[in-house]
Amino acid sequence: DMMEEARKIIAEAKSCGLVVVLWSYPRGEGVSKEGETAVDVIAYAAHIAALLGANIIKVKLPTNHLEREKIENIESLSKRIEYIK
């Protein structure tokens, strides 16, 4: 699967002393078009990228749309970014 392949590539890169930059953009049949930038989906994508071992993680800026979770006070972009951290 894609995550296992990424994990192997990241491990190989790190064994060569390279810094790993991972673009973690959610896509697929389980995510709606609007959900691709939902704050909860973006937070999960960043979390998975970190677990895979990425040193630098690139995600899209989150919107205040929620795909799955109930989160309060995410009206401003700064609050949405704070949630992802």
N, C-alpha and C. Protein backbone atom coordinates (compact mmCIF):
# COMPACT_ATOMS: atom_id res chain seq x y z
N ASP A 1 0.82 -1.18 0.00
CA ASP A 1 0.00 0.00 0.00
C ASP A 1 0.87 1.25 0.00
N MET A 2 0.27 2.39 -0.24
CA MET A 2 1.01 3.64 -0.41
C MET A 2 1.78 4.04 0.85
N MET A 3 1.19 3.85 2.01
CA MET A 3 1.87 4.24 3.25
C MET A 3 3.09 3.35 3.52
N GLU A 4 2.97 2.08 3.25
CA GLU A 4 4.10 1.17 3.44
C GLU A 4 5.23 1.52 2.48
N GLU A 5 4.89 1.82 1.24
CA GLU A 5 5.89 2.23 0.26
C GLU A 5 6.58 3.52 0.70
N ALA A 6 5.80 4.49 1.17
CA ALA A 6 6.37 5.75 1.65
C ALA A 6 7.29 5.51 2.84
N ARG A 7 6.87 4.66 3.76
CA ARG A 7 7.69 4.36 4.94
C ARG A 7 9.05 3.80 4.54
N LYS A 8 9.05 2.89 3.57
CA LYS A 8 10.31 2.28 3.11
C LYS A 8 11.21 3.32 2.44
N ILE A 9 10.63 4.14 1.59
CA ILE A 9 11.41 5.17 0.90
C ILE A 9 11.98 6.18 1.90
N ILE A 10 11.17 6.56 2.88
CA ILE A 10 11.63 7.51 3.91
C ILE A 10 12.78 6.90 4.71
N ALA A 11 12.65 5.65 5.10
CA ALA A 11 13.71 4.98 5.86
C ALA A 11 15.00 4.92 5.04
N GLU A 12 14.88 4.61 3.76
CA GLU A 12 16.07 4.55 2.90
C GLU A 12 16.71 5.93 2.77
N ALA A 13 15.90 6.95 2.56
CA ALA A 13 16.43 8.31 2.44
C ALA A 13 17.16 8.73 3.71
N LYS A 14 16.55 8.45 4.85
CA LYS A 14 17.17 8.83 6.13
C LYS A 14 18.46 8.05 6.37
N SER A 15 18.51 6.80 5.92
CA SER A 15 19.74 6.01 6.09
C SER A 15 20.89 6.59 5.27
N CYS A 16 20.56 7.37 4.25
CA CYS A 16 21.57 8.05 3.42
C CYS A 16 21.84 9.47 3.91
N GLY A 17 21.21 9.84 5.02
CA GLY A 17 21.43 11.16 5.60
C GLY A 17 20.62 12.27 4.96
N LEU A 18 19.59 11.91 4.22
CA LEU A 18 18.76 12.91 3.55
C LEU A 18 17.61 13.38 4.44
N VAL A 19 17.22 14.61 4.26
CA VAL A 19 16.02 15.15 4.90
C VAL A 19 14.84 14.77 4.03
N VAL A 20 13.74 14.37 4.64
CA VAL A 20 12.57 13.93 3.89
C VAL A 20 11.47 14.98 3.95
N VAL A 21 11.06 15.44 2.76
CA VAL A 21 9.93 16.36 2.63
C VAL A 21 8.78 15.56 2.05
N LEU A 22 7.65 15.54 2.75
CA LEU A 22 6.50 14.76 2.29
C LEU A 22 5.31 15.67 2.08
N TRP A 23 4.74 15.61 0.89
CA TRP A 23 3.51 16.33 0.59
C TRP A 23 2.37 15.39 0.96
N SER A 24 1.62 15.74 1.97
CA SER A 24 0.55 14.88 2.46
C SER A 24 -0.80 15.49 2.08
N TYR A 25 -1.26 15.13 0.90
CA TYR A 25 -2.51 15.67 0.36
C TYR A 25 -3.55 14.55 0.32
N PRO A 26 -4.58 14.59 1.16
CA PRO A 26 -5.61 13.55 1.18
C PRO A 26 -6.39 13.50 -0.14
N ARG A 27 -6.57 12.32 -0.65
CA ARG A 27 -7.34 12.09 -1.87
C ARG A 27 -8.00 10.71 -1.76
N GLY A 28 -8.93 10.45 -2.64
CA GLY A 28 -9.49 9.11 -2.72
C GLY A 28 -10.98 9.08 -2.51
N GLU A 29 -11.52 7.89 -2.65
CA GLU A 29 -12.98 7.72 -2.58
C GLU A 29 -13.55 7.95 -1.19
N GLY A 30 -12.72 7.87 -0.15
CA GLY A 30 -13.21 8.07 1.21
C GLY A 30 -13.26 9.53 1.65
N VAL A 31 -12.79 10.43 0.77
CA VAL A 31 -12.74 11.85 1.11
C VAL A 31 -13.47 12.64 0.03
N SER A 32 -14.40 13.49 0.45
CA SER A 32 -15.11 14.33 -0.52
C SER A 32 -14.16 15.40 -1.04
N LYS A 33 -14.54 16.05 -2.12
CA LYS A 33 -13.71 17.14 -2.67
C LYS A 33 -13.52 18.23 -1.62
N GLU A 34 -14.59 18.60 -0.95
CA GLU A 34 -14.51 19.61 0.11
C GLU A 34 -13.68 19.09 1.29
N GLY A 35 -13.74 17.79 1.51
CA GLY A 35 -13.00 17.17 2.61
C GLY A 35 -11.50 17.16 2.42
N GLU A 36 -11.04 17.35 1.17
CA GLU A 36 -9.60 17.36 0.91
C GLU A 36 -8.88 18.47 1.65
N THR A 37 -9.62 19.52 2.03
CA THR A 37 -9.01 20.61 2.81
C THR A 37 -9.70 20.80 4.16
N ALA A 38 -10.51 19.84 4.58
CA ALA A 38 -11.18 19.92 5.88
C ALA A 38 -10.13 19.89 6.99
N VAL A 39 -10.33 20.68 8.01
CA VAL A 39 -9.33 20.81 9.06
C VAL A 39 -9.03 19.47 9.74
N ASP A 40 -10.03 18.63 9.95
CA ASP A 40 -9.77 17.34 10.60
C ASP A 40 -9.01 16.39 9.68
N VAL A 41 -9.30 16.42 8.39
CA VAL A 41 -8.62 15.55 7.43
C VAL A 41 -7.17 16.00 7.25
N ILE A 42 -6.94 17.31 7.16
CA ILE A 42 -5.59 17.84 7.02
C ILE A 42 -4.76 17.50 8.26
N ALA A 43 -5.35 17.62 9.45
CA ALA A 43 -4.64 17.28 10.68
C ALA A 43 -4.23 15.81 10.68
N TYR A 44 -5.12 14.94 10.24
CA TYR A 44 -4.82 13.51 10.18
C TYR A 44 -3.71 13.23 9.16
N ALA A 45 -3.77 13.90 8.02
CA ALA A 45 -2.74 13.72 6.99
C ALA A 45 -1.37 14.13 7.51
N ALA A 46 -1.31 15.24 8.25
CA ALA A 46 -0.05 15.69 8.83
C ALA A 46 0.45 14.70 9.88
N HIS A 47 -0.47 14.18 10.67
CA HIS A 47 -0.12 13.20 11.71
C HIS A 47 0.48 11.93 11.09
N ILE A 48 -0.15 11.42 10.06
CA ILE A 48 0.35 10.21 9.39
C ILE A 48 1.72 10.45 8.78
N ALA A 49 1.90 11.61 8.14
CA ALA A 49 3.21 11.94 7.55
C ALA A 49 4.29 11.96 8.62
N ALA A 50 3.97 12.51 9.79
CA ALA A 50 4.93 12.54 10.90
C ALA A 50 5.24 11.12 11.38
N LEU A 51 4.22 10.29 11.48
CA LEU A 51 4.44 8.90 11.90
C LEU A 51 5.29 8.12 10.90
N LEU A 52 5.17 8.46 9.62
CA LEU A 52 5.97 7.80 8.59
C LEU A 52 7.43 8.24 8.64
N GLY A 53 7.71 9.34 9.35
CA GLY A 53 9.08 9.77 9.53
C GLY A 53 9.50 10.99 8.75
N ALA A 54 8.57 11.70 8.14
CA ALA A 54 8.92 12.90 7.38
C ALA A 54 9.52 13.97 8.29
N ASN A 55 10.54 14.65 7.80
CA ASN A 55 11.14 15.76 8.54
C ASN A 55 10.39 17.06 8.30
N ILE A 56 9.93 17.24 7.08
CA ILE A 56 9.16 18.42 6.70
C ILE A 56 7.88 17.93 6.05
N ILE A 57 6.75 18.46 6.50
CA ILE A 57 5.44 18.00 6.00
C ILE A 57 4.72 19.16 5.36
N LYS A 58 4.31 18.98 4.11
CA LYS A 58 3.57 20.01 3.38
C LYS A 58 2.11 19.57 3.28
N VAL A 59 1.22 20.41 3.74
CA VAL A 59 -0.22 20.16 3.62
C VAL A 59 -0.88 21.40 3.04
N LYS A 60 -2.07 21.23 2.52
CA LYS A 60 -2.84 22.38 2.07
C LYS A 60 -3.35 23.14 3.29
N LEU A 61 -3.57 24.45 3.13
CA LEU A 61 -4.15 25.21 4.23
C LEU A 61 -5.56 24.69 4.51
N PRO A 62 -5.89 24.46 5.77
CA PRO A 62 -7.19 23.89 6.10
C PRO A 62 -8.32 24.92 6.02
N THR A 63 -9.47 24.43 5.61
CA THR A 63 -10.69 25.24 5.67
C THR A 63 -11.40 24.93 6.98
N ASN A 64 -12.50 25.59 7.25
CA ASN A 64 -13.22 25.29 8.49
C ASN A 64 -14.25 24.18 8.30
N HIS A 65 -14.22 23.53 7.14
CA HIS A 65 -15.09 22.38 6.89
C HIS A 65 -14.62 21.21 7.76
N LEU A 66 -15.57 20.45 8.29
CA LEU A 66 -15.27 19.24 9.04
C LEU A 66 -15.81 18.04 8.28
N GLU A 67 -14.95 17.10 7.99
CA GLU A 67 -15.37 15.90 7.28
C GLU A 67 -15.91 14.86 8.25
N ARG A 68 -15.29 14.73 9.42
CA ARG A 68 -15.68 13.67 10.34
C ARG A 68 -15.82 14.12 11.80
N GLU A 69 -14.94 14.96 12.29
CA GLU A 69 -14.89 15.30 13.71
C GLU A 69 -15.74 16.52 14.06
N LYS A 70 -16.00 16.67 15.34
CA LYS A 70 -16.64 17.87 15.88
C LYS A 70 -15.54 18.68 16.56
N ILE A 71 -15.22 19.83 15.99
CA ILE A 71 -14.19 20.70 16.55
C ILE A 71 -14.81 22.09 16.69
N GLU A 72 -14.53 22.74 17.80
CA GLU A 72 -15.08 24.07 18.02
C GLU A 72 -14.01 25.14 17.79
N ASN A 73 -14.46 26.34 17.49
CA ASN A 73 -13.62 27.52 17.35
C ASN A 73 -12.53 27.36 16.30
N ILE A 74 -12.92 27.11 15.06
CA ILE A 74 -11.96 27.00 13.96
C ILE A 74 -12.31 27.97 12.83
N GLU A 75 -12.95 29.06 13.18
CA GLU A 75 -13.37 30.03 12.17
C GLU A 75 -12.20 30.76 11.52
N SER A 76 -11.15 31.05 12.26
CA SER A 76 -10.02 31.77 11.68
C SER A 76 -8.96 30.78 11.19
N LEU A 77 -8.21 31.20 10.17
CA LEU A 77 -7.14 30.36 9.64
C LEU A 77 -6.11 30.04 10.72
N SER A 78 -5.78 31.01 11.56
CA SER A 78 -4.79 30.77 12.61
C SER A 78 -5.26 29.70 13.59
N LYS A 79 -6.55 29.66 13.91
CA LYS A 79 -7.09 28.62 14.80
C LYS A 79 -7.04 27.25 14.12
N ARG A 80 -7.30 27.20 12.81
CA ARG A 80 -7.24 25.93 12.08
C ARG A 80 -5.81 25.41 12.02
N ILE A 81 -4.85 26.30 11.79
CA ILE A 81 -3.45 25.89 11.76
C ILE A 81 -3.01 25.44 13.15
N GLU A 82 -3.45 26.14 14.18
CA GLU A 82 -3.15 25.76 15.57
C GLU A 82 -3.67 24.35 15.86
N TYR A 83 -4.86 24.02 15.36
CA TYR A 83 -5.43 22.69 15.57
C TYR A 83 -4.55 21.61 14.94
N ILE A 84 -4.00 21.89 13.78
CA ILE A 84 -3.18 20.91 13.07
C ILE A 84 -1.86 20.67 13.78
N LYS A 85 -1.30 21.70 14.38
CA LYS A 85 -0.02 21.54 15.09
C LYS A 85 -0.19 20.52 16.18
